[in-house]
C-alpha atoms as a PDB file:
ATOM      1  CA  GLU A   1      96.534  69.804 116.015  1.00  0.00           C
ATOM      2  CA  ILE A   2      95.247  68.439 119.283  1.00  0.00           C
ATOM      3  CA  SER A   3      93.994  64.891 118.979  1.00  0.00           C
ATOM      4  CA  SER A   4      91.008  63.594 120.906  1.00  0.00           C
ATOM      5  CA  ASP A   5      93.485  61.742 123.139  1.00  0.00           C
ATOM      6  CA  GLN A   6      94.777  65.115 124.308  1.00  0.00           C
ATOM      7  CA  LEU A   7      91.351  66.652 124.934  1.00  0.00           C
ATOM      8  CA  SER A   8      91.192  67.601 128.594  1.00  0.00           C
ATOM      9  CA  THR A   9      88.231  68.562 130.725  1.00  0.00           C
ATOM     10  CA  GLU A  10      89.693  72.078 130.741  1.00  0.00           C
ATOM     11  CA  HIS A  11      89.457  72.228 126.933  1.00  0.00           C
ATOM     12  CA  ILE A  12      85.924  70.874 127.051  1.00  0.00           C
ATOM     13  CA  ASP A  13      84.874  73.301 129.797  1.00  0.00           C
ATOM     14  CA  ARG A  14      86.330  76.270 127.916  1.00  0.00           C
ATOM     15  CA  MET A  15      84.527  75.372 124.679  1.00  0.00           C
ATOM     16  CA  PHE A  16      81.186  74.887 126.446  1.00  0.00           C
ATOM     17  CA  GLU A  17      81.638  78.152 128.371  1.00  0.00           C
ATOM     18  CA  THR A  18      82.268  79.940 125.072  1.00  0.00           C
ATOM     19  CA  MET A  19      79.194  78.344 123.508  1.00  0.00           C
ATOM     20  CA  GLN A  20      76.983  79.171 126.495  1.00  0.00           C
ATOM     21  CA  ALA A  21      78.165  82.794 126.505  1.00  0.00           C
ATOM     22  CA  GLY A  22      76.904  83.136 122.923  1.00  0.00           C
ATOM     23  CA  GLN A  23      73.474  81.616 123.531  1.00  0.00           C
ATOM     24  CA  SER A  24      71.443  84.812 123.616  1.00  0.00           C
ATOM     25  CA  ALA A  25      68.163  83.147 122.580  1.00  0.00           C
ATOM     26  CA  PHE A  26      68.525  80.549 125.327  1.00  0.00           C
ATOM     27  CA  LEU A  27      69.295  83.224 127.910  1.00  0.00           C
ATOM     28  CA  SER A  28      66.114  85.120 127.042  1.00  0.00           C
ATOM     29  CA  SER A  29      63.810  82.127 126.459  1.00  0.00           C
ATOM     30  CA  GLY A  30      65.270  79.147 128.318  1.00  0.00           C
ATOM     31  CA  GLY A  31      64.077  76.989 125.449  1.00  0.00           C
ATOM     32  CA  CYS A  32      66.554  77.054 122.581  1.00  0.00           C
ATOM     33  CA  HIS A  33      69.204  74.565 121.600  1.00  0.00           C
ATOM     34  CA  ALA A  34      72.639  75.523 120.388  1.00  0.00           C
ATOM     35  CA  ALA A  35      75.372  73.975 118.314  1.00  0.00           C
ATOM     36  CA  ALA A  36      78.862  75.334 117.841  1.00  0.00           C
ATOM     37  CA  ALA A  37      81.928  74.453 115.794  1.00  0.00           C
ATOM     38  CA  PHE A  38      85.466  74.940 117.090  1.00  0.00           C
ATOM     39  CA  ASN A  39      88.867  74.630 115.427  1.00  0.00           C
ATOM     40  CA  THR A  40      91.958  72.733 116.587  1.00  0.00           C
ATOM     41  CA  ALA A  41      92.916  75.587 118.922  1.00  0.00           C
ATOM     42  CA  HIS A  42      89.463  75.297 120.560  1.00  0.00           C
ATOM     43  CA  GLU A  43      88.449  78.664 119.108  1.00  0.00           C
ATOM     44  CA  LEU A  44      84.830  79.262 118.185  1.00  0.00           C
ATOM     45  CA  ILE A  45      84.197  79.296 114.434  1.00  0.00           C
ATOM     46  CA  VAL A  46      80.401  79.472 114.361  1.00  0.00           C
ATOM     47  CA  LEU A  47      77.496  79.181 116.790  1.00  0.00           C
ATOM     48  CA  ARG A  48      73.815  78.888 115.953  1.00  0.00           C
ATOM     49  CA  GLU A  49      70.642  78.475 117.994  1.00  0.00           C
ATOM     50  CA  ASP A  50      67.252  77.031 117.143  1.00  0.00           C
ATOM     51  CA  ILE A  51      64.234  75.600 118.912  1.00  0.00           C
ATOM     52  CA  GLY A  52      65.257  72.208 117.465  1.00  0.00           C
ATOM     53  CA  ARG A  53      68.587  70.602 118.267  1.00  0.00           C
ATOM     54  CA  HIS A  54      68.860  69.115 114.767  1.00  0.00           C
ATOM     55  CA  ASN A  55      68.180  72.500 113.200  1.00  0.00           C
ATOM     56  CA  SER A  56      70.937  74.159 115.216  1.00  0.00           C
ATOM     57  CA  VAL A  57      73.404  71.563 113.885  1.00  0.00           C
ATOM     58  CA  ASP A  58      72.144  72.115 110.330  1.00  0.00           C
ATOM     59  CA  LYS A  59      72.602  75.880 110.743  1.00  0.00           C
ATOM     60  CA  VAL A  60      76.197  75.446 111.972  1.00  0.00           C
ATOM     61  CA  ILE A  61      77.147  73.153 109.099  1.00  0.00           C
ATOM     62  CA  GLY A  62      75.409  75.438 106.606  1.00  0.00           C
ATOM     63  CA  ALA A  63      77.255  78.489 107.923  1.00  0.00           C
ATOM     64  CA  LEU A  64      80.569  76.623 107.754  1.00  0.00           C
ATOM     65  CA  LEU A  65      79.847  75.673 104.136  1.00  0.00           C
ATOM     66  CA  GLN A  66      78.816  79.211 103.184  1.00  0.00           C
ATOM     67  CA  ASP A  67      81.956  80.654 104.771  1.00  0.00           C
ATOM     68  CA  GLY A  68      84.241  78.015 103.236  1.00  0.00           C
ATOM     69  CA  ARG A  69      85.388  76.971 106.714  1.00  0.00           C
ATOM     70  CA  LEU A  70      84.046  73.432 106.980  1.00  0.00           C
ATOM     71  CA  LYS A  71      87.552  71.948 106.918  1.00  0.00           C
ATOM     72  CA  ASP A  72      88.510  74.113 109.933  1.00  0.00           C
ATOM     73  CA  ALA A  73      85.845  72.550 112.158  1.00  0.00           C
ATOM     74  CA  ARG A  74      87.325  69.844 114.414  1.00  0.00           C
ATOM     75  CA  PHE A  75      84.799  69.901 117.269  1.00  0.00           C
ATOM     76  CA  LEU A  76      81.004  70.070 117.154  1.00  0.00           C
ATOM     77  CA  LEU A  77      79.307  70.900 120.451  1.00  0.00           C
ATOM     78  CA  VAL A  78      75.588  70.457 121.030  1.00  0.00           C
ATOM     79  CA  SER A  79      73.458  71.633 123.928  1.00  0.00           C
ATOM     80  CA  GLY A  80      71.206  68.580 124.079  1.00  0.00           C
ATOM     81  CA  ARG A  81      71.088  64.879 123.452  1.00  0.00           C
ATOM     82  CA  VAL A  82      72.987  63.177 120.623  1.00  0.00           C
ATOM     83  CA  SER A  83      70.956  61.054 118.236  1.00  0.00           C
ATOM     84  CA  TYR A  84      72.309  58.969 115.387  1.00  0.00           C
ATOM     85  CA  GLU A  85      71.101  61.669 112.971  1.00  0.00           C
ATOM     86  CA  ILE A  86      73.395  64.232 114.582  1.00  0.00           C
ATOM     87  CA  VAL A  87      76.267  61.735 114.386  1.00  0.00           C
ATOM     88  CA  VAL A  88      75.614  61.261 110.670  1.00  0.00           C
ATOM     89  CA  LYS A  89      75.578  65.036 110.100  1.00  0.00           C
ATOM     90  CA  CYS A  90      78.884  65.317 111.970  1.00  0.00           C
ATOM     91  CA  PHE A  91      80.379  62.495 109.897  1.00  0.00           C
ATOM     92  CA  MET A  92      79.169  63.904 106.570  1.00  0.00           C
ATOM     93  CA  ALA A  93      80.651  67.289 107.514  1.00  0.00           C
ATOM     94  CA  GLY A  94      83.981  65.639 108.324  1.00  0.00           C
ATOM     95  CA  ILE A  95      84.038  66.829 111.933  1.00  0.00           C
ATOM     96  CA  PRO A  96      85.915  64.210 113.983  1.00  0.00           C
ATOM     97  CA  ASN A  97      84.817  65.167 117.525  1.00  0.00           C
ATOM     98  CA  LEU A  98      81.274  65.460 118.868  1.00  0.00           C
ATOM     99  CA  LEU A  99      80.548  66.733 122.380  1.00  0.00           C
ATOM    100  CA  ALA A 100      77.192  67.061 124.122  1.00  0.00           C
ATOM    101  CA  VAL A 101      75.781  68.438 127.335  1.00  0.00           C
ATOM    102  CA  SER A 102      73.455  65.481 127.619  1.00  0.00           C
ATOM    103  CA  ALA A 103      73.381  61.768 126.795  1.00  0.00           C
ATOM    104  CA  PRO A 104      73.878  60.035 123.469  1.00  0.00           C
ATOM    105  CA  SER A 105      71.520  57.317 122.349  1.00  0.00           C
ATOM    106  CA  SER A 106      72.968  53.810 122.168  1.00  0.00           C
ATOM    107  CA  LEU A 107      72.646  53.948 118.381  1.00  0.00           C
ATOM    108  CA  ALA A 108      74.593  57.230 118.338  1.00  0.00           C
ATOM    109  CA  VAL A 109      77.395  55.574 120.303  1.00  0.00           C
ATOM    110  CA  ASP A 110      77.420  52.614 117.894  1.00  0.00           C
ATOM    111  CA  PHE A 111      77.545  54.954 114.884  1.00  0.00           C
ATOM    112  CA  CYS A 112      80.418  56.955 116.376  1.00  0.00           C
ATOM    113  CA  LYS A 113      82.412  53.783 116.946  1.00  0.00           C
ATOM    114  CA  GLU A 114      81.669  52.581 113.417  1.00  0.00           C
ATOM    115  CA  LEU A 115      82.373  55.941 111.747  1.00  0.00           C
ATOM    116  CA  GLY A 116      85.470  56.859 113.765  1.00  0.00           C
ATOM    117  CA  ILE A 117      84.036  59.852 115.617  1.00  0.00           C
ATOM    118  CA  THR A 118      85.155  60.709 119.125  1.00  0.00           C
ATOM    119  CA  LEU A 119      82.051  61.217 121.259  1.00  0.00           C
ATOM    120  CA  TYR A 120      81.754  62.838 124.665  1.00  0.00           C
ATOM    121  CA  GLY A 121      78.459  63.141 126.535  1.00  0.00           C
ATOM    122  CA  PHE A 122      77.353  64.552 129.868  1.00  0.00           C
ATOM    123  CA  CYS A 123      79.886  67.382 129.482  1.00  0.00           C
ATOM    124  CA  ARG A 124      79.590  69.301 132.721  1.00  0.00           C
ATOM    125  CA  PRO A 125      82.128  71.498 134.502  1.00  0.00           C
ATOM    126  CA  GLY A 126      85.152  69.388 135.347  1.00  0.00           C
ATOM    127  CA  ARG A 127      83.870  66.143 133.859  1.00  0.00           C
ATOM    128  CA  ALA A 128      82.774  64.424 130.665  1.00  0.00           C
ATOM    129  CA  THR A 129      82.064  60.836 129.645  1.00  0.00           C
ATOM    130  CA  CYS A 130      83.885  59.471 126.597  1.00  0.00           C
ATOM    131  CA  TYR A 131      81.704  56.983 124.709  1.00  0.00           C
ATOM    132  CA  SER A 132      83.822  56.576 121.589  1.00  0.00           C
ATOM    133  CA  ARG A 133      87.395  57.484 120.732  1.00  0.00           C
ATOM    134  CA  ALA A 134      88.571  57.705 117.137  1.00  0.00           C
END
């Protein structure tokens, strides 16, 4: 298992590229959010889109539960901002790493530090900002 200490920008880029390649609703509308779960090998487990960023996370966690694969999810990627609610969903699902295209709120950063979740924001090709490390 790769720990968050060993997460490179190459791993991050590859996961986001995989997520973006599966965002068919976003490609046709330009207005959908996505969330995706990946395993320890950085392989896509499930991807879901929705007009709401919170809903896309709910859909991913629901699909993982239905498929009995929640324990396989080690990374949750989101296409938008990270709020404390998304952090709580990630924590309740037992997913230790949360990565976002955009910024986290200050409360989200505080929650990640308190709950032991590794949080990366502003994940763009070749760079990412680590706000919390478990």
